[in-house]
């Protein structure tokens, strides 16, 4: 299933619904019956919103990262160090678009 663009109105609706559930003191099944939604949908949106919030929190990280330069004329692989410390070694002559897709996938961002 392809990723769809987030619908801000729908997200706001679910954020409000989740806040009502948390404040209601009801079990998920009782709250969902009252709201006319399925427990599966509530669980999905609870997880989705948590993931979106986590991505948004990570978006505030600095854009600058340490860069280690090699002497001019030196030919060798490039090492890309990801946020979690993993290293991607890239040989000379790489395809930049492919590298962007690989790094995005490893970092958990949509390509």
PDB file of N, CA and C in Angstrom:
ATOM      1  N   UNK A   1       0.840  -1.166   0.000  1.00  0.00           N
ATOM      2  CA  UNK A   1       0.000   0.000   0.000  1.00  0.00           C
ATOM      3  C   UNK A   1       0.893   1.241   0.000  1.00  0.00           C
ATOM      4  N   UNK A   2       0.734   2.149  -0.960  1.00  0.00           N
ATOM      5  CA  UNK A   2       1.588   3.327  -1.017  1.00  0.00           C
ATOM      6  C   UNK A   2       1.282   4.280   0.137  1.00  0.00           C
ATOM      7  N   UNK A   3       2.311   5.023   0.562  1.00  0.00           N
ATOM      8  CA  UNK A   3       2.112   6.015   1.624  1.00  0.00           C
ATOM      9  C   UNK A   3       1.251   7.144   1.098  1.00  0.00           C
ATOM     10  N   UNK A   4       0.268   7.539   1.889  1.00  0.00           N
ATOM     11  CA  UNK A   4      -0.573   8.662   1.530  1.00  0.00           C
ATOM     12  C   UNK A   4      -0.093   9.889   2.278  1.00  0.00           C
ATOM     13  N   UNK A   5      -0.391  11.037   1.726  1.00  0.00           N
ATOM     14  CA  UNK A   5      -0.056  12.277   2.421  1.00  0.00           C
ATOM     15  C   UNK A   5      -0.949  12.410   3.640  1.00  0.00           C
ATOM     16  N   UNK A   6      -0.389  12.872   4.741  1.00  0.00           N
ATOM     17  CA  UNK A   6      -1.204  13.051   5.939  1.00  0.00           C
ATOM     18  C   UNK A   6      -2.293  14.100   5.707  1.00  0.00           C
ATOM     19  N   UNK A   7      -3.477  13.815   6.215  1.00  0.00           N
ATOM     20  CA  UNK A   7      -4.602  14.744   6.147  1.00  0.00           C
ATOM     21  C   UNK A   7      -4.640  15.490   7.479  1.00  0.00           C
ATOM     22  N   UNK A   8      -4.269  16.782   7.479  1.00  0.00           N
ATOM     23  CA  UNK A   8      -4.201  17.519   8.752  1.00  0.00           C
ATOM     24  C   UNK A   8      -5.528  17.561   9.504  1.00  0.00           C
ATOM     25  N   UNK A   9      -6.631  17.676   8.792  1.00  0.00           N
ATOM     26  CA  UNK A   9      -7.936  17.726   9.468  1.00  0.00           C
ATOM     27  C   UNK A   9      -8.232  16.400  10.152  1.00  0.00           C
ATOM     28  N   UNK A  10      -7.926  15.313   9.483  1.00  0.00           N
ATOM     29  CA  UNK A  10      -8.173  13.988  10.065  1.00  0.00           C
ATOM     30  C   UNK A  10      -7.265  13.750  11.272  1.00  0.00           C
ATOM     31  N   UNK A  11      -6.017  14.187  11.140  1.00  0.00           N
ATOM     32  CA  UNK A  11      -5.091  14.034  12.264  1.00  0.00           C
ATOM     33  C   UNK A  11      -5.592  14.840  13.472  1.00  0.00           C
ATOM     34  N   UNK A  12      -6.035  16.076  13.248  1.00  0.00           N
ATOM     35  CA  UNK A  12      -6.569  16.891  14.353  1.00  0.00           C
ATOM     36  C   UNK A  12      -7.754  16.199  15.005  1.00  0.00           C
ATOM     37  N   UNK A  13      -8.645  15.621  14.181  1.00  0.00           N
ATOM     38  CA  UNK A  13      -9.821  14.914  14.700  1.00  0.00           C
ATOM     39  C   UNK A  13      -9.385  13.757  15.607  1.00  0.00           C
ATOM     40  N   UNK A  14      -8.397  12.984  15.160  1.00  0.00           N
ATOM     41  CA  UNK A  14      -7.945  11.842  15.948  1.00  0.00           C
ATOM     42  C   UNK A  14      -7.167  12.282  17.185  1.00  0.00           C
ATOM     43  N   UNK A  15      -6.426  13.366  17.105  1.00  0.00           N
ATOM     44  CA  UNK A  15      -5.733  13.878  18.288  1.00  0.00           C
ATOM     45  C   UNK A  15      -6.764  14.261  19.362  1.00  0.00           C
ATOM     46  N   UNK A  16      -7.825  14.932  18.939  1.00  0.00           N
ATOM     47  CA  UNK A  16      -8.888  15.318  19.880  1.00  0.00           C
ATOM     48  C   UNK A  16      -9.566  14.079  20.457  1.00  0.00           C
ATOM     49  N   UNK A  17      -9.825  13.104  19.593  1.00  0.00           N
ATOM     50  CA  UNK A  17     -10.482  11.872  20.046  1.00  0.00           C
ATOM     51  C   UNK A  17      -9.606  11.134  21.053  1.00  0.00           C
ATOM     52  N   UNK A  18      -8.311  11.047  20.775  1.00  0.00           N
ATOM     53  CA  UNK A  18      -7.402  10.379  21.710  1.00  0.00           C
ATOM     54  C   UNK A  18      -7.343  11.121  23.045  1.00  0.00           C
ATOM     55  N   UNK A  19      -7.380  12.446  22.998  1.00  0.00           N
ATOM     56  CA  UNK A  19      -7.387  13.221  24.246  1.00  0.00           C
ATOM     57  C   UNK A  19      -8.673  12.955  25.027  1.00  0.00           C
ATOM     58  N   UNK A  20      -9.805  12.869  24.315  1.00  0.00           N
ATOM     59  CA  UNK A  20     -11.073  12.561  24.993  1.00  0.00           C
ATOM     60  C   UNK A  20     -11.015  11.181  25.636  1.00  0.00           C
ATOM     61  N   UNK A  21     -10.431  10.213  24.904  1.00  0.00           N
ATOM     62  CA  UNK A  21     -10.333   8.858  25.452  1.00  0.00           C
ATOM     63  C   UNK A  21      -9.484   8.860  26.723  1.00  0.00           C
ATOM     64  N   UNK A  22      -8.310   9.528  26.658  1.00  0.00           N
ATOM     65  CA  UNK A  22      -7.427   9.552  27.829  1.00  0.00           C
ATOM     66  C   UNK A  22      -8.115  10.196  29.023  1.00  0.00           C
ATOM     67  N   UNK A  23      -8.930  11.225  28.774  1.00  0.00           N
ATOM     68  CA  UNK A  23      -9.614  11.906  29.859  1.00  0.00           C
ATOM     69  C   UNK A  23     -10.898  11.247  30.311  1.00  0.00           C
ATOM     70  N   UNK A  24     -11.377  10.276  29.535  1.00  0.00           N
ATOM     71  CA  UNK A  24     -12.675   9.671  29.828  1.00  0.00           C
ATOM     72  C   UNK A  24     -12.632   8.657  30.963  1.00  0.00           C
ATOM     73  N   UNK A  25     -11.496   8.017  31.152  1.00  0.00           N
ATOM     74  CA  UNK A  25     -11.414   6.951  32.141  1.00  0.00           C
ATOM     75  C   UNK A  25     -12.057   5.654  31.666  1.00  0.00           C
ATOM     76  N   UNK A  26     -12.530   5.638  30.412  1.00  0.00           N
ATOM     77  CA  UNK A  26     -13.180   4.440  29.868  1.00  0.00           C
ATOM     78  C   UNK A  26     -12.151   3.484  29.279  1.00  0.00           C
ATOM     79  N   UNK A  27     -12.525   2.217  29.250  1.00  0.00           N
ATOM     80  CA  UNK A  27     -11.712   1.238  28.536  1.00  0.00           C
ATOM     81  C   UNK A  27     -11.876   1.523  27.044  1.00  0.00           C
ATOM     82  N   UNK A  28     -10.886   1.072  26.271  1.00  0.00           N
ATOM     83  CA  UNK A  28     -10.902   1.347  24.830  1.00  0.00           C
ATOM     84  C   UNK A  28     -12.204   0.889  24.189  1.00  0.00           C
ATOM     85  N   UNK A  29     -12.654  -0.315  24.506  1.00  0.00           N
ATOM     86  CA  UNK A  29     -13.860  -0.847  23.858  1.00  0.00           C
ATOM     87  C   UNK A  29     -15.093   0.016  24.150  1.00  0.00           C
ATOM     88  N   UNK A  30     -15.246   0.455  25.400  1.00  0.00           N
ATOM     89  CA  UNK A  30     -16.398   1.286  25.759  1.00  0.00           C
ATOM     90  C   UNK A  30     -16.313   2.656  25.094  1.00  0.00           C
ATOM     91  N   UNK A  31     -15.126   3.242  25.086  1.00  0.00           N
ATOM     92  CA  UNK A  31     -14.955   4.548  24.462  1.00  0.00           C
ATOM     93  C   UNK A  31     -15.236   4.472  22.968  1.00  0.00           C
ATOM     94  N   UNK A  32     -14.696   3.446  22.302  1.00  0.00           N
ATOM     95  CA  UNK A  32     -14.891   3.304  20.855  1.00  0.00           C
ATOM     96  C   UNK A  32     -16.363   3.098  20.520  1.00  0.00           C
ATOM     97  N   UNK A  33     -17.063   2.327  21.325  1.00  0.00           N
ATOM     98  CA  UNK A  33     -18.503   2.128  21.093  1.00  0.00           C
ATOM     99  C   UNK A  33     -19.232   3.464  21.200  1.00  0.00           C
ATOM    100  N   UNK A  34     -18.863   4.271  22.174  1.00  0.00           N
ATOM    101  CA  UNK A  34     -19.499   5.572  22.355  1.00  0.00           C
ATOM    102  C   UNK A  34     -19.177   6.518  21.192  1.00  0.00           C
ATOM    103  N   UNK A  35     -17.946   6.440  20.668  1.00  0.00           N
ATOM    104  CA  UNK A  35     -17.509   7.326  19.581  1.00  0.00           C
ATOM    105  C   UNK A  35     -17.904   6.810  18.196  1.00  0.00           C
ATOM    106  N   UNK A  36     -18.262   5.527  18.123  1.00  0.00           N
ATOM    107  CA  UNK A  36     -18.610   4.954  16.816  1.00  0.00           C
ATOM    108  C   UNK A  36     -17.399   4.645  15.947  1.00  0.00           C
ATOM    109  N   UNK A  37     -16.287   4.293  16.593  1.00  0.00           N
ATOM    110  CA  UNK A  37     -15.078   3.899  15.872  1.00  0.00           C
ATOM    111  C   UNK A  37     -14.638   2.529  16.378  1.00  0.00           C
ATOM    112  N   UNK A  38     -13.787   1.885  15.624  1.00  0.00           N
ATOM    113  CA  UNK A  38     -13.320   0.560  16.042  1.00  0.00           C
ATOM    114  C   UNK A  38     -12.082   0.696  16.930  1.00  0.00           C
ATOM    115  N   UNK A  39     -11.899  -0.249  17.847  1.00  0.00           N
ATOM    116  CA  UNK A  39     -10.667  -0.249  18.649  1.00  0.00           C
ATOM    117  C   UNK A  39      -9.414  -0.341  17.774  1.00  0.00           C
ATOM    118  N   UNK A  40      -9.531  -1.027  16.641  1.00  0.00           N
ATOM    119  CA  UNK A  40      -8.393  -1.143  15.725  1.00  0.00           C
ATOM    120  C   UNK A  40      -8.010   0.224  15.172  1.00  0.00           C
ATOM    121  N   UNK A  41      -9.004   1.025  14.799  1.00  0.00           N
ATOM    122  CA  UNK A  41      -8.730   2.363  14.284  1.00  0.00           C
ATOM    123  C   UNK A  41      -8.087   3.233  15.363  1.00  0.00           C
ATOM    124  N   UNK A  42      -8.578   3.146  16.572  1.00  0.00           N
ATOM    125  CA  UNK A  42      -8.014   3.933  17.663  1.00  0.00           C
ATOM    126  C   UNK A  42      -6.560   3.528  17.910  1.00  0.00           C
ATOM    127  N   UNK A  43      -6.304   2.237  17.905  1.00  0.00           N
ATOM    128  CA  UNK A  43      -4.934   1.759  18.115  1.00  0.00           C
ATOM    129  C   UNK A  43      -4.014   2.229  16.993  1.00  0.00           C
ATOM    130  N   UNK A  44      -4.525   2.169  15.760  1.00  0.00           N
ATOM    131  CA  UNK A  44      -3.732   2.623  14.613  1.00  0.00           C
ATOM    132  C   UNK A  44      -3.357   4.090  14.766  1.00  0.00           C
ATOM    133  N   UNK A  45      -4.338   4.939  15.064  1.00  0.00           N
ATOM    134  CA  UNK A  45      -4.077   6.371  15.166  1.00  0.00           C
ATOM    135  C   UNK A  45      -3.225   6.713  16.382  1.00  0.00           C
ATOM    136  N   UNK A  46      -3.380   5.973  17.430  1.00  0.00           N
ATOM    137  CA  UNK A  46      -2.534   6.192  18.611  1.00  0.00           C
ATOM    138  C   UNK A  46      -1.070   5.966  18.241  1.00  0.00           C
ATOM    139  N   UNK A  47      -0.810   4.879  17.519  1.00  0.00           N
ATOM    140  CA  UNK A  47       0.551   4.558  17.086  1.00  0.00           C
ATOM    141  C   UNK A  47       1.035   5.555  16.031  1.00  0.00           C
ATOM    142  N   UNK A  48       0.184   5.885  15.076  1.00  0.00           N
ATOM    143  CA  UNK A  48       0.552   6.797  13.994  1.00  0.00           C
ATOM    144  C   UNK A  48       0.907   8.187  14.529  1.00  0.00           C
ATOM    145  N   UNK A  49       0.092   8.696  15.431  1.00  0.00           N
ATOM    146  CA  UNK A  49       0.343  10.029  15.980  1.00  0.00           C
ATOM    147  C   UNK A  49       1.616  10.028  16.827  1.00  0.00           C
ATOM    148  N   UNK A  50       1.845   8.969  17.564  1.00  0.00           N
ATOM    149  CA  UNK A  50       3.096   8.873  18.338  1.00  0.00           C
ATOM    150  C   UNK A  50       4.300   8.882  17.393  1.00  0.00           C
ATOM    151  N   UNK A  51       4.197   8.170  16.270  1.00  0.00           N
ATOM    152  CA  UNK A  51       5.289   8.128  15.289  1.00  0.00           C
ATOM    153  C   UNK A  51       5.491   9.507  14.655  1.00  0.00           C
ATOM    154  N   UNK A  52       4.401  10.183  14.324  1.00  0.00           N
ATOM    155  CA  UNK A  52       4.514  11.519  13.731  1.00  0.00           C
ATOM    156  C   UNK A  52       5.157  12.488  14.713  1.00  0.00           C
ATOM    157  N   UNK A  53       4.756  12.394  15.977  1.00  0.00           N
ATOM    158  CA  UNK A  53       5.334  13.272  16.988  1.00  0.00           C
ATOM    159  C   UNK A  53       6.827  12.998  17.157  1.00  0.00           C
ATOM    160  N   UNK A  54       7.203  11.726  17.104  1.00  0.00           N
ATOM    161  CA  UNK A  54       8.619  11.364  17.235  1.00  0.00           C
ATOM    162  C   UNK A  54       9.416  11.906  16.046  1.00  0.00           C
ATOM    163  N   UNK A  55       8.851  11.789  14.836  1.00  0.00           N
ATOM    164  CA  UNK A  55       9.539  12.330  13.655  1.00  0.00           C
ATOM    165  C   UNK A  55       9.665  13.847  13.755  1.00  0.00           C
ATOM    166  N   UNK A  56       8.605  14.506  14.214  1.00  0.00           N
ATOM    167  CA  UNK A  56       8.629  15.963  14.337  1.00  0.00           C
ATOM    168  C   UNK A  56       9.662  16.387  15.380  1.00  0.00           C
ATOM    169  N   UNK A  57       9.788  15.636  16.454  1.00  0.00           N
ATOM    170  CA  UNK A  57      10.781  15.958  17.484  1.00  0.00           C
ATOM    171  C   UNK A  57      12.185  15.829  16.910  1.00  0.00           C
ATOM    172  N   UNK A  58      12.396  14.846  16.050  1.00  0.00           N
ATOM    173  CA  UNK A  58      13.699  14.659  15.415  1.00  0.00           C
ATOM    174  C   UNK A  58      13.987  15.696  14.357  1.00  0.00           C
ATOM    175  N   UNK A  59      12.940  16.353  13.846  1.00  0.00           N
ATOM    176  CA  UNK A  59      13.126  17.355  12.805  1.00  0.00           C
ATOM    177  C   UNK A  59      13.835  18.584  13.339  1.00  0.00           C
ATOM    178  N   UNK A  60      13.841  18.771  14.653  1.00  0.00           N
ATOM    179  CA  UNK A  60      14.485  19.931  15.235  1.00  0.00           C
ATOM    180  C   UNK A  60      15.971  19.751  15.475  1.00  0.00           C
ATOM    181  N   UNK A  61      16.517  18.616  15.063  1.00  0.00           N
ATOM    182  CA  UNK A  61      17.945  18.382  15.277  1.00  0.00           C
ATOM    183  C   UNK A  61      18.761  19.283  14.364  1.00  0.00           C
ATOM    184  N   UNK A  62      19.967  19.643  14.767  1.00  0.00           N
ATOM    185  CA  UNK A  62      20.776  20.547  13.952  1.00  0.00           C
ATOM    186  C   UNK A  62      21.041  19.982  12.567  1.00  0.00           C
ATOM    187  N   UNK A  63      21.115  20.869  11.618  1.00  0.00           N
ATOM    188  CA  UNK A  63      21.386  20.477  10.238  1.00  0.00           C
ATOM    189  C   UNK A  63      22.881  20.213  10.019  1.00  0.00           C
ATOM    190  N   UNK A  64      23.734  20.731  10.920  1.00  0.00           N
ATOM    191  CA  UNK A  64      25.165  20.567  10.756  1.00  0.00           C
ATOM    192  C   UNK A  64      25.626  19.258  11.384  1.00  0.00           C
ATOM    193  N   UNK A  65      26.468  18.557  10.670  1.00  0.00           N
ATOM    194  CA  UNK A  65      27.050  17.325  11.185  1.00  0.00           C
ATOM    195  C   UNK A  65      28.564  17.387  10.966  1.00  0.00           C
ATOM    196  N   UNK A  66      29.328  16.662  11.781  1.00  0.00           N
ATOM    197  CA  UNK A  66      30.784  16.692  11.580  1.00  0.00           C
ATOM    198  C   UNK A  66      31.166  16.136  10.208  1.00  0.00           C
ATOM    199  N   UNK A  67      32.123  16.788   9.582  1.00  0.00           N
ATOM    200  CA  UNK A  67      32.629  16.346   8.283  1.00  0.00           C
ATOM    201  C   UNK A  67      34.135  16.173   8.423  1.00  0.00           C
ATOM    202  N   UNK A  68      34.639  15.043   7.994  1.00  0.00           N
ATOM    203  CA  UNK A  68      36.071  14.779   8.023  1.00  0.00           C
ATOM    204  C   UNK A  68      36.569  14.802   6.588  1.00  0.00           C
ATOM    205  N   UNK A  69      37.505  15.692   6.317  1.00  0.00           N
ATOM    206  CA  UNK A  69      38.011  15.868   4.963  1.00  0.00           C
ATOM    207  C   UNK A  69      39.219  14.956   4.733  1.00  0.00           C
ATOM    208  N   UNK A  70      39.347  14.494   3.501  1.00  0.00           N
ATOM    209  CA  UNK A  70      40.526  13.725   3.112  1.00  0.00           C
ATOM    210  C   UNK A  70      41.407  14.634   2.254  1.00  0.00           C
ATOM    211  N   UNK A  71      42.670  14.316   2.162  1.00  0.00           N
ATOM    212  CA  UNK A  71      43.560  15.160   1.353  1.00  0.00           C
ATOM    213  C   UNK A  71      43.087  15.222  -0.100  1.00  0.00           C
ATOM    214  N   UNK A  72      43.329  16.345  -0.774  1.00  0.00           N
ATOM    215  CA  UNK A  72      42.940  16.459  -2.183  1.00  0.00           C
ATOM    216  C   UNK A  72      43.558  15.343  -3.012  1.00  0.00           C
ATOM    217  N   UNK A  73      42.787  14.807  -3.901  1.00  0.00           N
ATOM    218  CA  UNK A  73      43.265  13.749  -4.784  1.00  0.00           C
ATOM    219  C   UNK A  73      43.140  12.351  -4.203  1.00  0.00           C
ATOM    220  N   UNK A  74      42.853  12.246  -2.927  1.00  0.00           N
ATOM    221  CA  UNK A  74      42.690  10.921  -2.316  1.00  0.00           C
ATOM    222  C   UNK A  74      41.383  10.314  -2.814  1.00  0.00           C
ATOM    223  N   UNK A  75      41.455   9.085  -3.258  1.00  0.00           N
ATOM    224  CA  UNK A  75      40.263   8.395  -3.749  1.00  0.00           C
ATOM    225  C   UNK A  75      39.980   7.226  -2.822  1.00  0.00           C
ATOM    226  N   UNK A  76      38.778   7.157  -2.381  1.00  0.00           N
ATOM    227  CA  UNK A  76      38.402   6.066  -1.491  1.00  0.00           C
ATOM    228  C   UNK A  76      36.929   6.164  -1.196  1.00  0.00           C
ATOM    229  N   UNK A  77      36.429   5.245  -0.406  1.00  0.00           N
ATOM    230  CA  UNK A  77      34.994   5.279  -0.105  1.00  0.00           C
ATOM    231  C   UNK A  77      34.646   6.453   0.805  1.00  0.00           C
ATOM    232  N   UNK A  78      33.411   6.895   0.691  1.00  0.00           N
ATOM    233  CA  UNK A  78      32.866   7.905   1.589  1.00  0.00           C
ATOM    234  C   UNK A  78      32.187   7.145   2.709  1.00  0.00           C
ATOM    235  N   UNK A  79      32.349   7.627   3.932  1.00  0.00           N
ATOM    236  CA  UNK A  79      31.648   7.026   5.055  1.00  0.00           C
ATOM    237  C   UNK A  79      30.588   7.993   5.543  1.00  0.00           C
ATOM    238  N   UNK A  80      29.333   7.507   5.584  1.00  0.00           N
ATOM    239  CA  UNK A  80      28.221   8.301   6.097  1.00  0.00           C
ATOM    240  C   UNK A  80      27.856   7.696   7.444  1.00  0.00           C
ATOM    241  N   UNK A  81      27.982   8.500   8.509  1.00  0.00           N
ATOM    242  CA  UNK A  81      27.652   8.031   9.845  1.00  0.00           C
ATOM    243  C   UNK A  81      26.237   8.496  10.160  1.00  0.00           C
ATOM    244  N   UNK A  82      25.338   7.528  10.392  1.00  0.00           N
ATOM    245  CA  UNK A  82      23.947   7.830  10.675  1.00  0.00           C
ATOM    246  C   UNK A  82      23.775   8.267  12.123  1.00  0.00           C
ATOM    247  N   UNK A  83      22.619   8.826  12.430  1.00  0.00           N
ATOM    248  CA  UNK A  83      22.354   9.368  13.768  1.00  0.00           C
ATOM    249  C   UNK A  83      22.567   8.329  14.864  1.00  0.00           C
ATOM    250  N   UNK A  84      22.270   7.059  14.573  1.00  0.00           N
ATOM    251  CA  UNK A  84      22.406   6.033  15.608  1.00  0.00           C
ATOM    252  C   UNK A  84      23.800   5.409  15.642  1.00  0.00           C
ATOM    253  N   UNK A  85      24.730   5.972  14.852  1.00  0.00           N
ATOM    254  CA  UNK A  85      26.102   5.497  14.867  1.00  0.00           C
ATOM    255  C   UNK A  85      26.439   4.480  13.785  1.00  0.00           C
ATOM    256  N   UNK A  86      25.423   3.968  13.083  1.00  0.00           N
ATOM    257  CA  UNK A  86      25.725   3.037  11.994  1.00  0.00           C
ATOM    258  C   UNK A  86      26.459   3.778  10.881  1.00  0.00           C
ATOM    259  N   UNK A  87      27.304   3.042  10.148  1.00  0.00           N
ATOM    260  CA  UNK A  87      28.122   3.639   9.098  1.00  0.00           C
ATOM    261  C   UNK A  87      27.759   3.017   7.756  1.00  0.00           C
ATOM    262  N   UNK A  88      27.593   3.874   6.765  1.00  0.00           N
ATOM    263  CA  UNK A  88      27.361   3.424   5.389  1.00  0.00           C
ATOM    264  C   UNK A  88      28.604   3.818   4.599  1.00  0.00           C
ATOM    265  N   UNK A  89      29.276   2.840   4.002  1.00  0.00           N
ATOM    266  CA  UNK A  89      30.459   3.113   3.184  1.00  0.00           C
ATOM    267  C   UNK A  89      30.031   3.142   1.721  1.00  0.00           C
ATOM    268  N   UNK A  90      30.369   4.238   1.069  1.00  0.00           N
ATOM    269  CA  UNK A  90      29.920   4.465  -0.304  1.00  0.00           C
ATOM    270  C   UNK A  90      31.145   4.524  -1.209  1.00  0.00           C
ATOM    271  N   UNK A  91      31.186   3.659  -2.239  1.00  0.00           N
ATOM    272  CA  UNK A  91      32.347   3.651  -3.125  1.00  0.00           C
ATOM    273  C   UNK A  91      32.341   4.861  -4.066  1.00  0.00           C
ATOM    274  N   UNK A  92      33.503   5.183  -4.620  1.00  0.00           N
ATOM    275  CA  UNK A  92      33.555   6.261  -5.614  1.00  0.00           C
ATOM    276  C   UNK A  92      32.618   5.946  -6.780  1.00  0.00           C
ATOM    277  N   UNK A  93      32.049   6.985  -7.354  1.00  0.00           N
ATOM    278  CA  UNK A  93      31.170   6.803  -8.514  1.00  0.00           C
ATOM    279  C   UNK A  93      29.758   6.399  -8.136  1.00  0.00           C
ATOM    280  N   UNK A  94      29.320   6.655  -6.907  1.00  0.00           N
ATOM    281  CA  UNK A  94      27.982   6.259  -6.457  1.00  0.00           C
ATOM    282  C   UNK A  94      26.908   7.127  -7.115  1.00  0.00           C
ATOM    283  N   UNK A  95      25.678   6.633  -7.082  1.00  0.00           N
ATOM    284  CA  UNK A  95      24.514   7.367  -7.576  1.00  0.00           C
ATOM    285  C   UNK A  95      23.919   8.147  -6.397  1.00  0.00           C
ATOM    286  N   UNK A  96      23.977   9.485  -6.408  1.00  0.00           N
ATOM    287  CA  UNK A  96      23.488  10.271  -5.269  1.00  0.00           C
ATOM    288  C   UNK A  96      22.020  10.010  -4.925  1.00  0.00           C
ATOM    289  N   UNK A  97      21.171   9.812  -5.927  1.00  0.00           N
ATOM    290  CA  UNK A  97      19.750   9.553  -5.654  1.00  0.00           C
ATOM    291  C   UNK A  97      19.585   8.228  -4.910  1.00  0.00           C
ATOM    292  N   UNK A  98      20.367   7.239  -5.309  1.00  0.00           N
ATOM    293  CA  UNK A  98      20.296   5.937  -4.645  1.00  0.00           C
ATOM    294  C   UNK A  98      20.785   6.051  -3.198  1.00  0.00           C
ATOM    295  N   UNK A  99      21.853   6.811  -2.989  1.00  0.00           N
ATOM    296  CA  UNK A  99      22.368   7.011  -1.632  1.00  0.00           C
ATOM    297  C   UNK A  99      21.324   7.714  -0.761  1.00  0.00           C
ATOM    298  N   UNK A 100      20.650   8.744  -1.301  1.00  0.00           N
ATOM    299  CA  UNK A 100      19.606   9.433  -0.535  1.00  0.00           C
ATOM    300  C   UNK A 100      18.509   8.460  -0.131  1.00  0.00           C
ATOM    301  N   UNK A 101      18.093   7.600  -1.047  1.00  0.00           N
ATOM    302  CA  UNK A 101      17.037   6.629  -0.748  1.00  0.00           C
ATOM    303  C   UNK A 101      17.478   5.627   0.324  1.00  0.00           C
ATOM    304  N   UNK A 102      18.728   5.184   0.235  1.00  0.00           N
ATOM    305  CA  UNK A 102      19.246   4.225   1.225  1.00  0.00           C
ATOM    306  C   UNK A 102      19.308   4.869   2.606  1.00  0.00           C
ATOM    307  N   UNK A 103      19.849   6.082   2.684  1.00  0.00           N
ATOM    308  CA  UNK A 103      19.966   6.760   3.983  1.00  0.00           C
ATOM    309  C   UNK A 103      18.563   7.041   4.551  1.00  0.00           C
ATOM    310  N   UNK A 104      17.645   7.502   3.702  1.00  0.00           N
ATOM    311  CA  UNK A 104      16.274   7.768   4.169  1.00  0.00           C
ATOM    312  C   UNK A 104      15.647   6.494   4.729  1.00  0.00           C
ATOM    313  N   UNK A 105      15.842   5.377   4.045  1.00  0.00           N
ATOM    314  CA  UNK A 105      15.276   4.110   4.507  1.00  0.00           C
ATOM    315  C   UNK A 105      15.901   3.688   5.835  1.00  0.00           C
ATOM    316  N   UNK A 106      17.198   3.845   5.963  1.00  0.00           N
ATOM    317  CA  UNK A 106      17.873   3.462   7.206  1.00  0.00           C
ATOM    318  C   UNK A 106      17.502   4.368   8.361  1.00  0.00           C
ATOM    319  N   UNK A 107      17.238   5.627   8.077  1.00  0.00           N
ATOM    320  CA  UNK A 107      16.862   6.575   9.133  1.00  0.00           C
ATOM    321  C   UNK A 107      15.363   6.541   9.421  1.00  0.00           C
ATOM    322  N   UNK A 108      14.605   5.813   8.602  1.00  0.00           N
ATOM    323  CA  UNK A 108      13.170   5.689   8.850  1.00  0.00           C
ATOM    324  C   UNK A 108      12.347   6.831   8.291  1.00  0.00           C
ATOM    325  N   UNK A 109      12.885   7.585   7.329  1.00  0.00           N
ATOM    326  CA  UNK A 109      12.146   8.675   6.705  1.00  0.00           C
ATOM    327  C   UNK A 109      11.562   8.198   5.394  1.00  0.00           C
ATOM    328  N   UNK A 110      10.424   8.758   4.965  1.00  0.00           N
ATOM    329  CA  UNK A 110       9.888   8.390   3.644  1.00  0.00           C
ATOM    330  C   UNK A 110      10.839   8.844   2.550  1.00  0.00           C
ATOM    331  N   UNK A 111      10.975   8.029   1.533  1.00  0.00           N
ATOM    332  CA  UNK A 111      11.903   8.351   0.428  1.00  0.00           C
ATOM    333  C   UNK A 111      11.317   9.410  -0.488  1.00  0.00           C
TER     334      UNK A 111
END
